[in-house]
């Protein structure tokens, strides 16, 4: 495993564009802390985002993992480009000539995306812990370490998404077209989702049951939006006669769905590479 990882990280670090994108990604993860500095002072209205409770334990684990997940597209570019460079630079052929099997080649890529997902999760954990200890009005250990399942869901979400990117990178070979294909895939899922949701003959249970198995939608379901969970939002909704009553929990079956997609895309990547004439 370490041998395979060292090969991949040497390739990535020697690629200037990949190095810049990876550094930019982790810098942007750190910039979540800047949310605490957002203030609006308009006459008598004074608004400080950090004072709205977004950094309170245990809510911070939900909010920060949701916000950090939006930055995954930076590493998606790296992963797709990583595969495109293998073909354009013919390093994949050279690796196989040097004795690396196709199975080891795919494993090296999977280990790489798994490491990216793991480091991202650790990064978000450290940032969230620091922000929470600084800004949270709740510091009891029980609450500090509650809801850590959002971190696990964040890891699984990144692992699944990066596995899709890896498969598309192998399938398309060219990074620009691969990213375009990923966007088209996203649009198709959203159109299908909209058709099912707003079909007058479809009950809520029916369309939710079907759409939870869409690859990208299943990953999105792992961490639901956290904004409506804020007390201020619920209070505002109550003033206009609305009730906010969503289920924000990380569901075990949703984790299993994403892990199944992850395994499938890695398997398909291997099968595609095995059948392809390099």
C-alpha atoms as a PDB file:
ATOM      1  CA  UNK A   1       0.000   0.000   0.000  1.00  0.00           C
ATOM      2  CA  UNK A   2       2.737   2.469   0.977  1.00  0.00           C
ATOM      3  CA  UNK A   3       4.656   1.665  -2.221  1.00  0.00           C
ATOM      4  CA  UNK A   4       1.579   2.346  -4.352  1.00  0.00           C
ATOM      5  CA  UNK A   5       0.810   5.571  -2.500  1.00  0.00           C
ATOM      6  CA  UNK A   6       4.382   6.837  -2.816  1.00  0.00           C
ATOM      7  CA  UNK A   7       4.239   6.327  -6.595  1.00  0.00           C
ATOM      8  CA  UNK A   8       1.019   8.343  -6.870  1.00  0.00           C
ATOM      9  CA  UNK A   9       2.073  11.207  -4.628  1.00  0.00           C
ATOM     10  CA  UNK A  10       5.374  11.587  -6.467  1.00  0.00           C
ATOM     11  CA  UNK A  11       3.393  11.963  -9.703  1.00  0.00           C
ATOM     12  CA  UNK A  12       1.024  14.501  -8.142  1.00  0.00           C
ATOM     13  CA  UNK A  13       3.739  16.552  -6.485  1.00  0.00           C
ATOM     14  CA  UNK A  14       5.708  16.768  -9.719  1.00  0.00           C
ATOM     15  CA  UNK A  15       2.642  18.147 -11.492  1.00  0.00           C
ATOM     16  CA  UNK A  16       2.492  21.903 -10.900  1.00  0.00           C
ATOM     17  CA  UNK A  17      -1.248  22.287 -11.596  1.00  0.00           C
ATOM     18  CA  UNK A  18      -2.177  19.422  -9.252  1.00  0.00           C
ATOM     19  CA  UNK A  19       0.076  20.789  -6.532  1.00  0.00           C
ATOM     20  CA  UNK A  20      -1.553  24.235  -6.755  1.00  0.00           C
ATOM     21  CA  UNK A  21      -5.086  22.797  -6.690  1.00  0.00           C
ATOM     22  CA  UNK A  22      -4.345  20.554  -3.701  1.00  0.00           C
ATOM     23  CA  UNK A  23      -2.833  23.444  -1.742  1.00  0.00           C
ATOM     24  CA  UNK A  24      -5.729  25.724  -2.737  1.00  0.00           C
ATOM     25  CA  UNK A  25      -8.224  23.117  -1.546  1.00  0.00           C
ATOM     26  CA  UNK A  26      -6.723  22.812   1.927  1.00  0.00           C
ATOM     27  CA  UNK A  27      -6.286  26.573   2.218  1.00  0.00           C
ATOM     28  CA  UNK A  28      -9.975  27.011   1.380  1.00  0.00           C
ATOM     29  CA  UNK A  29     -10.887  24.402   3.993  1.00  0.00           C
ATOM     30  CA  UNK A  30      -9.013  26.504   6.518  1.00  0.00           C
ATOM     31  CA  UNK A  31     -10.913  29.594   5.337  1.00  0.00           C
ATOM     32  CA  UNK A  32     -14.091  28.196   6.910  1.00  0.00           C
ATOM     33  CA  UNK A  33     -12.784  29.979   9.987  1.00  0.00           C
ATOM     34  CA  UNK A  34     -13.301  33.307   8.180  1.00  0.00           C
ATOM     35  CA  UNK A  35     -17.064  32.800   8.458  1.00  0.00           C
ATOM     36  CA  UNK A  36     -16.650  33.862  12.087  1.00  0.00           C
ATOM     37  CA  UNK A  37     -15.591  37.345  10.952  1.00  0.00           C
ATOM     38  CA  UNK A  38     -18.745  38.036   8.918  1.00  0.00           C
ATOM     39  CA  UNK A  39     -20.532  41.018  10.448  1.00  0.00           C
ATOM     40  CA  UNK A  40     -23.240  43.363   9.226  1.00  0.00           C
ATOM     41  CA  UNK A  41     -23.867  46.683  10.963  1.00  0.00           C
ATOM     42  CA  UNK A  42     -26.705  48.536   9.247  1.00  0.00           C
ATOM     43  CA  UNK A  43     -28.033  51.223  11.560  1.00  0.00           C
ATOM     44  CA  UNK A  44     -29.694  49.562  14.534  1.00  0.00           C
ATOM     45  CA  UNK A  45     -29.312  46.108  12.932  1.00  0.00           C
ATOM     46  CA  UNK A  46     -26.156  44.342  14.063  1.00  0.00           C
ATOM     47  CA  UNK A  47     -25.525  40.845  12.744  1.00  0.00           C
ATOM     48  CA  UNK A  48     -22.546  38.678  13.669  1.00  0.00           C
ATOM     49  CA  UNK A  49     -22.723  35.242  12.070  1.00  0.00           C
ATOM     50  CA  UNK A  50     -20.632  33.546  14.753  1.00  0.00           C
ATOM     51  CA  UNK A  51     -23.148  34.697  17.369  1.00  0.00           C
ATOM     52  CA  UNK A  52     -26.000  32.888  15.602  1.00  0.00           C
ATOM     53  CA  UNK A  53     -24.781  29.576  16.990  1.00  0.00           C
ATOM     54  CA  UNK A  54     -23.191  28.072  13.868  1.00  0.00           C
ATOM     55  CA  UNK A  55     -20.032  27.290  15.843  1.00  0.00           C
ATOM     56  CA  UNK A  56     -21.808  25.843  18.868  1.00  0.00           C
ATOM     57  CA  UNK A  57     -21.193  22.202  19.734  1.00  0.00           C
ATOM     58  CA  UNK A  58     -22.491  19.856  18.480  1.00  0.00           C
ATOM     59  CA  UNK A  59     -24.080  21.839  15.601  1.00  0.00           C
ATOM     60  CA  UNK A  60     -20.638  22.846  14.278  1.00  0.00           C
ATOM     61  CA  UNK A  61     -19.919  19.282  13.091  1.00  0.00           C
ATOM     62  CA  UNK A  62     -23.006  19.408  10.888  1.00  0.00           C
ATOM     63  CA  UNK A  63     -22.436  22.918   9.558  1.00  0.00           C
ATOM     64  CA  UNK A  64     -18.709  22.617   8.832  1.00  0.00           C
ATOM     65  CA  UNK A  65     -18.896  19.220   7.113  1.00  0.00           C
ATOM     66  CA  UNK A  66     -21.717  20.521   4.926  1.00  0.00           C
ATOM     67  CA  UNK A  67     -19.778  23.674   4.027  1.00  0.00           C
ATOM     68  CA  UNK A  68     -16.496  21.812   3.448  1.00  0.00           C
ATOM     69  CA  UNK A  69     -18.173  19.269   1.148  1.00  0.00           C
ATOM     70  CA  UNK A  70     -18.884  22.075  -1.319  1.00  0.00           C
ATOM     71  CA  UNK A  71     -15.120  22.405  -1.905  1.00  0.00           C
ATOM     72  CA  UNK A  72     -14.699  18.807  -3.086  1.00  0.00           C
ATOM     73  CA  UNK A  73     -14.737  19.924  -6.735  1.00  0.00           C
ATOM     74  CA  UNK A  74     -11.158  21.208  -6.368  1.00  0.00           C
ATOM     75  CA  UNK A  75      -9.942  17.684  -5.680  1.00  0.00           C
ATOM     76  CA  UNK A  76     -12.307  16.349  -8.359  1.00  0.00           C
ATOM     77  CA  UNK A  77     -10.289  18.342 -10.887  1.00  0.00           C
ATOM     78  CA  UNK A  78      -7.077  16.869  -9.464  1.00  0.00           C
ATOM     79  CA  UNK A  79      -8.370  13.298  -9.680  1.00  0.00           C
ATOM     80  CA  UNK A  80      -9.737  13.646 -13.215  1.00  0.00           C
ATOM     81  CA  UNK A  81      -6.525  15.384 -14.337  1.00  0.00           C
ATOM     82  CA  UNK A  82      -4.494  12.671 -12.603  1.00  0.00           C
ATOM     83  CA  UNK A  83      -6.048  10.054 -14.890  1.00  0.00           C
ATOM     84  CA  UNK A  84      -5.848  12.244 -17.993  1.00  0.00           C
ATOM     85  CA  UNK A  85      -2.123  12.792 -17.379  1.00  0.00           C
ATOM     86  CA  UNK A  86      -1.596   9.024 -17.103  1.00  0.00           C
ATOM     87  CA  UNK A  87      -2.801   8.660 -20.684  1.00  0.00           C
ATOM     88  CA  UNK A  88      -1.313  11.823 -22.182  1.00  0.00           C
ATOM     89  CA  UNK A  89       2.113  11.280 -20.590  1.00  0.00           C
ATOM     90  CA  UNK A  90       1.927   7.490 -21.151  1.00  0.00           C
ATOM     91  CA  UNK A  91       2.932   6.897 -17.529  1.00  0.00           C
ATOM     92  CA  UNK A  92       0.224   4.265 -17.182  1.00  0.00           C
ATOM     93  CA  UNK A  93       1.849   2.206 -19.936  1.00  0.00           C
ATOM     94  CA  UNK A  94       5.280   2.693 -18.377  1.00  0.00           C
ATOM     95  CA  UNK A  95       4.005   1.645 -14.943  1.00  0.00           C
ATOM     96  CA  UNK A  96       2.607  -1.564 -16.402  1.00  0.00           C
ATOM     97  CA  UNK A  97       5.854  -2.238 -18.300  1.00  0.00           C
ATOM     98  CA  UNK A  98       7.784  -1.735 -15.044  1.00  0.00           C
ATOM     99  CA  UNK A  99       5.789  -4.534 -13.423  1.00  0.00           C
ATOM    100  CA  UNK A 100       2.764  -2.819 -11.899  1.00  0.00           C
ATOM    101  CA  UNK A 101      -0.375  -4.891 -12.535  1.00  0.00           C
ATOM    102  CA  UNK A 102      -3.631  -3.259 -13.613  1.00  0.00           C
ATOM    103  CA  UNK A 103      -5.148  -4.250 -10.289  1.00  0.00           C
ATOM    104  CA  UNK A 104      -2.301  -2.544  -8.416  1.00  0.00           C
ATOM    105  CA  UNK A 105      -2.668   0.503 -10.641  1.00  0.00           C
ATOM    106  CA  UNK A 106      -6.370   0.882  -9.756  1.00  0.00           C
ATOM    107  CA  UNK A 107      -5.632   0.214  -6.091  1.00  0.00           C
ATOM    108  CA  UNK A 108      -2.970   2.929  -6.122  1.00  0.00           C
ATOM    109  CA  UNK A 109      -5.579   5.405  -7.402  1.00  0.00           C
ATOM    110  CA  UNK A 110      -8.183   4.250  -4.891  1.00  0.00           C
ATOM    111  CA  UNK A 111      -5.719   4.492  -1.993  1.00  0.00           C
ATOM    112  CA  UNK A 112      -4.878   8.015  -3.155  1.00  0.00           C
ATOM    113  CA  UNK A 113      -8.486   9.216  -3.174  1.00  0.00           C
ATOM    114  CA  UNK A 114      -9.061   7.483   0.183  1.00  0.00           C
ATOM    115  CA  UNK A 115      -6.086   9.375   1.652  1.00  0.00           C
ATOM    116  CA  UNK A 116      -7.434  12.653   0.244  1.00  0.00           C
ATOM    117  CA  UNK A 117     -10.811  11.936   1.858  1.00  0.00           C
ATOM    118  CA  UNK A 118      -9.209  10.955   5.185  1.00  0.00           C
ATOM    119  CA  UNK A 119      -6.889  13.987   5.369  1.00  0.00           C
ATOM    120  CA  UNK A 120      -9.807  16.276   4.483  1.00  0.00           C
ATOM    121  CA  UNK A 121     -11.850  14.748   7.313  1.00  0.00           C
ATOM    122  CA  UNK A 122      -9.040  15.179   9.842  1.00  0.00           C
ATOM    123  CA  UNK A 123      -8.533  18.748   8.622  1.00  0.00           C
ATOM    124  CA  UNK A 124     -12.216  19.602   9.106  1.00  0.00           C
ATOM    125  CA  UNK A 125     -12.199  17.923  12.542  1.00  0.00           C
ATOM    126  CA  UNK A 126      -9.258  20.043  13.745  1.00  0.00           C
ATOM    127  CA  UNK A 127     -10.659  23.306  12.332  1.00  0.00           C
ATOM    128  CA  UNK A 128     -14.117  22.628  13.776  1.00  0.00           C
ATOM    129  CA  UNK A 129     -12.730  21.687  17.180  1.00  0.00           C
ATOM    130  CA  UNK A 130     -10.684  24.894  17.360  1.00  0.00           C
ATOM    131  CA  UNK A 131     -13.579  27.103  16.194  1.00  0.00           C
ATOM    132  CA  UNK A 132     -15.953  25.392  18.592  1.00  0.00           C
ATOM    133  CA  UNK A 133     -13.658  25.811  21.588  1.00  0.00           C
ATOM    134  CA  UNK A 134     -13.235  29.503  20.721  1.00  0.00           C
ATOM    135  CA  UNK A 135     -16.829  30.460  19.864  1.00  0.00           C
ATOM    136  CA  UNK A 136     -19.143  27.810  21.322  1.00  0.00           C
ATOM    137  CA  UNK A 137     -21.120  28.608  24.436  1.00  0.00           C
ATOM    138  CA  UNK A 138     -21.326  24.845  25.028  1.00  0.00           C
ATOM    139  CA  UNK A 139     -18.034  23.245  26.040  1.00  0.00           C
ATOM    140  CA  UNK A 140     -19.074  20.166  28.022  1.00  0.00           C
ATOM    141  CA  UNK A 141     -17.264  17.080  26.682  1.00  0.00           C
ATOM    142  CA  UNK A 142     -20.560  15.262  26.110  1.00  0.00           C
ATOM    143  CA  UNK A 143     -21.723  17.937  23.657  1.00  0.00           C
ATOM    144  CA  UNK A 144     -18.300  18.617  22.157  1.00  0.00           C
ATOM    145  CA  UNK A 145     -18.018  15.035  20.931  1.00  0.00           C
ATOM    146  CA  UNK A 146     -21.666  14.520  20.016  1.00  0.00           C
ATOM    147  CA  UNK A 147     -22.723  14.245  16.352  1.00  0.00           C
ATOM    148  CA  UNK A 148     -19.286  13.104  15.206  1.00  0.00           C
ATOM    149  CA  UNK A 149     -21.096  10.829  12.762  1.00  0.00           C
ATOM    150  CA  UNK A 150     -21.176  13.854  10.436  1.00  0.00           C
ATOM    151  CA  UNK A 151     -17.415  13.513  10.079  1.00  0.00           C
ATOM    152  CA  UNK A 152     -17.768   9.866   9.098  1.00  0.00           C
ATOM    153  CA  UNK A 153     -20.514  10.814   6.630  1.00  0.00           C
ATOM    154  CA  UNK A 154     -18.199  13.517   5.243  1.00  0.00           C
ATOM    155  CA  UNK A 155     -15.442  10.944   4.706  1.00  0.00           C
ATOM    156  CA  UNK A 156     -17.808   8.496   2.974  1.00  0.00           C
ATOM    157  CA  UNK A 157     -19.241  11.308   0.843  1.00  0.00           C
ATOM    158  CA  UNK A 158     -15.794  12.361  -0.387  1.00  0.00           C
ATOM    159  CA  UNK A 159     -14.720   8.762  -0.945  1.00  0.00           C
ATOM    160  CA  UNK A 160     -17.803   8.075  -3.061  1.00  0.00           C
ATOM    161  CA  UNK A 161     -17.513  11.286  -5.058  1.00  0.00           C
ATOM    162  CA  UNK A 162     -13.803  10.824  -5.741  1.00  0.00           C
ATOM    163  CA  UNK A 163     -14.465   7.238  -6.854  1.00  0.00           C
ATOM    164  CA  UNK A 164     -16.948   8.532  -9.437  1.00  0.00           C
ATOM    165  CA  UNK A 165     -14.354  11.047 -10.607  1.00  0.00           C
ATOM    166  CA  UNK A 166     -11.776   8.260 -10.898  1.00  0.00           C
ATOM    167  CA  UNK A 167     -14.129   6.133 -12.996  1.00  0.00           C
ATOM    168  CA  UNK A 168     -15.026   9.038 -15.283  1.00  0.00           C
ATOM    169  CA  UNK A 169     -11.344   9.942 -15.644  1.00  0.00           C
ATOM    170  CA  UNK A 170     -10.567   6.406 -16.826  1.00  0.00           C
ATOM    171  CA  UNK A 171     -13.647   6.294 -19.061  1.00  0.00           C
ATOM    172  CA  UNK A 172     -13.166   9.652 -20.826  1.00  0.00           C
ATOM    173  CA  UNK A 173      -9.338  10.041 -20.624  1.00  0.00           C
ATOM    174  CA  UNK A 174      -9.414  13.828 -21.154  1.00  0.00           C
ATOM    175  CA  UNK A 175      -9.920  16.030 -18.112  1.00  0.00           C
ATOM    176  CA  UNK A 176     -12.048  18.770 -19.725  1.00  0.00           C
ATOM    177  CA  UNK A 177     -14.459  16.265 -21.276  1.00  0.00           C
ATOM    178  CA  UNK A 178     -14.507  14.193 -18.090  1.00  0.00           C
ATOM    179  CA  UNK A 179     -15.496  17.212 -15.979  1.00  0.00           C
ATOM    180  CA  UNK A 180     -18.117  18.094 -18.577  1.00  0.00           C
ATOM    181  CA  UNK A 181     -19.474  14.546 -18.375  1.00  0.00           C
ATOM    182  CA  UNK A 182     -19.638  14.833 -14.565  1.00  0.00           C
ATOM    183  CA  UNK A 183     -21.644  18.060 -14.893  1.00  0.00           C
ATOM    184  CA  UNK A 184     -24.037  16.467 -17.424  1.00  0.00           C
ATOM    185  CA  UNK A 185     -24.477  13.521 -15.061  1.00  0.00           C
ATOM    186  CA  UNK A 186     -25.359  15.960 -12.271  1.00  0.00           C
ATOM    187  CA  UNK A 187     -27.908  17.770 -14.482  1.00  0.00           C
ATOM    188  CA  UNK A 188     -29.532  14.510 -15.608  1.00  0.00           C
ATOM    189  CA  UNK A 189     -29.927  13.387 -12.000  1.00  0.00           C
ATOM    190  CA  UNK A 190     -31.500  16.730 -11.033  1.00  0.00           C
ATOM    191  CA  UNK A 191     -33.927  16.611 -13.972  1.00  0.00           C
ATOM    192  CA  UNK A 192     -34.939  13.040 -13.096  1.00  0.00           C
ATOM    193  CA  UNK A 193     -35.269  14.087  -9.446  1.00  0.00           C
ATOM    194  CA  UNK A 194     -37.519  17.028 -10.391  1.00  0.00           C
ATOM    195  CA  UNK A 195     -39.734  14.880 -12.621  1.00  0.00           C
ATOM    196  CA  UNK A 196     -40.252  12.358  -9.843  1.00  0.00           C
ATOM    197  CA  UNK A 197     -40.755  14.888  -7.090  1.00  0.00           C
ATOM    198  CA  UNK A 198     -43.317  16.967  -8.945  1.00  0.00           C
ATOM    199  CA  UNK A 199     -45.141  14.087 -10.590  1.00  0.00           C
ATOM    200  CA  UNK A 200     -48.717  14.419  -9.360  1.00  0.00           C
ATOM    201  CA  UNK A 201     -49.033  10.637  -9.237  1.00  0.00           C
ATOM    202  CA  UNK A 202     -45.917  10.115  -7.124  1.00  0.00           C
ATOM    203  CA  UNK A 203     -46.156  10.114  -3.349  1.00  0.00           C
ATOM    204  CA  UNK A 204     -43.368  11.560  -1.235  1.00  0.00           C
ATOM    205  CA  UNK A 205     -42.345   8.098  -0.054  1.00  0.00           C
ATOM    206  CA  UNK A 206     -42.130   6.868  -3.654  1.00  0.00           C
ATOM    207  CA  UNK A 207     -39.908   9.576  -5.128  1.00  0.00           C
ATOM    208  CA  UNK A 208     -37.694   9.756  -2.050  1.00  0.00           C
ATOM    209  CA  UNK A 209     -37.225   5.993  -2.093  1.00  0.00           C
ATOM    210  CA  UNK A 210     -36.210   5.950  -5.782  1.00  0.00           C
ATOM    211  CA  UNK A 211     -33.999   9.058  -5.854  1.00  0.00           C
ATOM    212  CA  UNK A 212     -31.988   7.979  -2.803  1.00  0.00           C
ATOM    213  CA  UNK A 213     -30.307   5.423  -5.065  1.00  0.00           C
ATOM    214  CA  UNK A 214     -29.040   7.994  -7.588  1.00  0.00           C
ATOM    215  CA  UNK A 215     -25.216   8.129  -7.221  1.00  0.00           C
ATOM    216  CA  UNK A 216     -24.762  11.867  -6.685  1.00  0.00           C
ATOM    217  CA  UNK A 217     -28.084  12.268  -4.877  1.00  0.00           C
ATOM    218  CA  UNK A 218     -27.178   9.468  -2.457  1.00  0.00           C
ATOM    219  CA  UNK A 219     -23.991  11.354  -1.572  1.00  0.00           C
ATOM    220  CA  UNK A 220     -25.901  14.595  -1.146  1.00  0.00           C
ATOM    221  CA  UNK A 221     -28.315  12.850   1.240  1.00  0.00           C
ATOM    222  CA  UNK A 222     -25.528  11.936   3.665  1.00  0.00           C
ATOM    223  CA  UNK A 223     -25.301  15.473   5.081  1.00  0.00           C
ATOM    224  CA  UNK A 224     -28.537  17.433   4.879  1.00  0.00           C
ATOM    225  CA  UNK A 225     -28.508  21.219   4.764  1.00  0.00           C
ATOM    226  CA  UNK A 226     -27.969  22.575   8.295  1.00  0.00           C
ATOM    227  CA  UNK A 227     -29.324  26.135   7.981  1.00  0.00           C
ATOM    228  CA  UNK A 228     -32.924  25.335   8.912  1.00  0.00           C
ATOM    229  CA  UNK A 229     -31.617  23.677  12.062  1.00  0.00           C
ATOM    230  CA  UNK A 230     -30.595  27.053  13.512  1.00  0.00           C
ATOM    231  CA  UNK A 231     -32.824  28.422  16.245  1.00  0.00           C
ATOM    232  CA  UNK A 232     -33.036  31.843  14.553  1.00  0.00           C
ATOM    233  CA  UNK A 233     -34.299  30.266  11.326  1.00  0.00           C
ATOM    234  CA  UNK A 234     -36.908  28.190  13.174  1.00  0.00           C
ATOM    235  CA  UNK A 235     -38.046  31.298  15.034  1.00  0.00           C
ATOM    236  CA  UNK A 236     -38.372  33.245  11.792  1.00  0.00           C
ATOM    237  CA  UNK A 237     -40.307  30.397  10.181  1.00  0.00           C
ATOM    238  CA  UNK A 238     -42.631  30.313  13.188  1.00  0.00           C
ATOM    239  CA  UNK A 239     -43.373  34.018  12.816  1.00  0.00           C
ATOM    240  CA  UNK A 240     -44.678  33.462   9.289  1.00  0.00           C
ATOM    241  CA  UNK A 241     -46.658  30.407  10.282  1.00  0.00           C
ATOM    242  CA  UNK A 242     -44.275  27.744   8.980  1.00  0.00           C
ATOM    243  CA  UNK A 243     -42.954  24.761  10.916  1.00  0.00           C
ATOM    244  CA  UNK A 244     -39.432  23.466  10.342  1.00  0.00           C
ATOM    245  CA  UNK A 245     -39.375  19.795  11.231  1.00  0.00           C
ATOM    246  CA  UNK A 246     -36.706  17.981   9.205  1.00  0.00           C
ATOM    247  CA  UNK A 247     -34.718  14.857  10.000  1.00  0.00           C
ATOM    248  CA  UNK A 248     -31.028  15.853   9.884  1.00  0.00           C
ATOM    249  CA  UNK A 249     -29.585  12.584  11.170  1.00  0.00           C
ATOM    250  CA  UNK A 250     -26.978  10.556   9.296  1.00  0.00           C
ATOM    251  CA  UNK A 251     -28.748   7.352   8.257  1.00  0.00           C
ATOM    252  CA  UNK A 252     -26.995   3.984   8.245  1.00  0.00           C
ATOM    253  CA  UNK A 253     -28.721   2.820   5.057  1.00  0.00           C
ATOM    254  CA  UNK A 254     -27.607   6.000   3.250  1.00  0.00           C
ATOM    255  CA  UNK A 255     -24.000   5.256   4.233  1.00  0.00           C
ATOM    256  CA  UNK A 256     -24.380   1.722   2.837  1.00  0.00           C
ATOM    257  CA  UNK A 257     -25.799   3.024  -0.466  1.00  0.00           C
ATOM    258  CA  UNK A 258     -22.809   5.341  -1.003  1.00  0.00           C
ATOM    259  CA  UNK A 259     -20.304   2.628  -0.035  1.00  0.00           C
ATOM    260  CA  UNK A 260     -21.951   0.291  -2.553  1.00  0.00           C
ATOM    261  CA  UNK A 261     -21.620   2.934  -5.283  1.00  0.00           C
ATOM    262  CA  UNK A 262     -17.980   3.444  -4.269  1.00  0.00           C
ATOM    263  CA  UNK A 263     -17.230  -0.270  -4.569  1.00  0.00           C
ATOM    264  CA  UNK A 264     -19.076  -0.458  -7.891  1.00  0.00           C
ATOM    265  CA  UNK A 265     -17.199   2.459  -9.448  1.00  0.00           C
ATOM    266  CA  UNK A 266     -13.825   1.111  -8.347  1.00  0.00           C
ATOM    267  CA  UNK A 267     -14.761  -2.311  -9.741  1.00  0.00           C
ATOM    268  CA  UNK A 268     -15.927  -0.764 -13.042  1.00  0.00           C
ATOM    269  CA  UNK A 269     -12.709   1.251 -13.231  1.00  0.00           C
ATOM    270  CA  UNK A 270     -10.701  -1.949 -12.915  1.00  0.00           C
ATOM    271  CA  UNK A 271     -12.822  -3.810 -15.465  1.00  0.00           C
ATOM    272  CA  UNK A 272     -12.576  -0.924 -17.923  1.00  0.00           C
ATOM    273  CA  UNK A 273      -8.813  -0.714 -17.551  1.00  0.00           C
ATOM    274  CA  UNK A 274      -8.440  -4.493 -17.788  1.00  0.00           C
ATOM    275  CA  UNK A 275     -10.307  -4.644 -21.116  1.00  0.00           C
ATOM    276  CA  UNK A 276      -8.709  -1.547 -22.612  1.00  0.00           C
ATOM    277  CA  UNK A 277      -5.742  -1.842 -24.945  1.00  0.00           C
ATOM    278  CA  UNK A 278      -3.120   0.563 -23.627  1.00  0.00           C
END
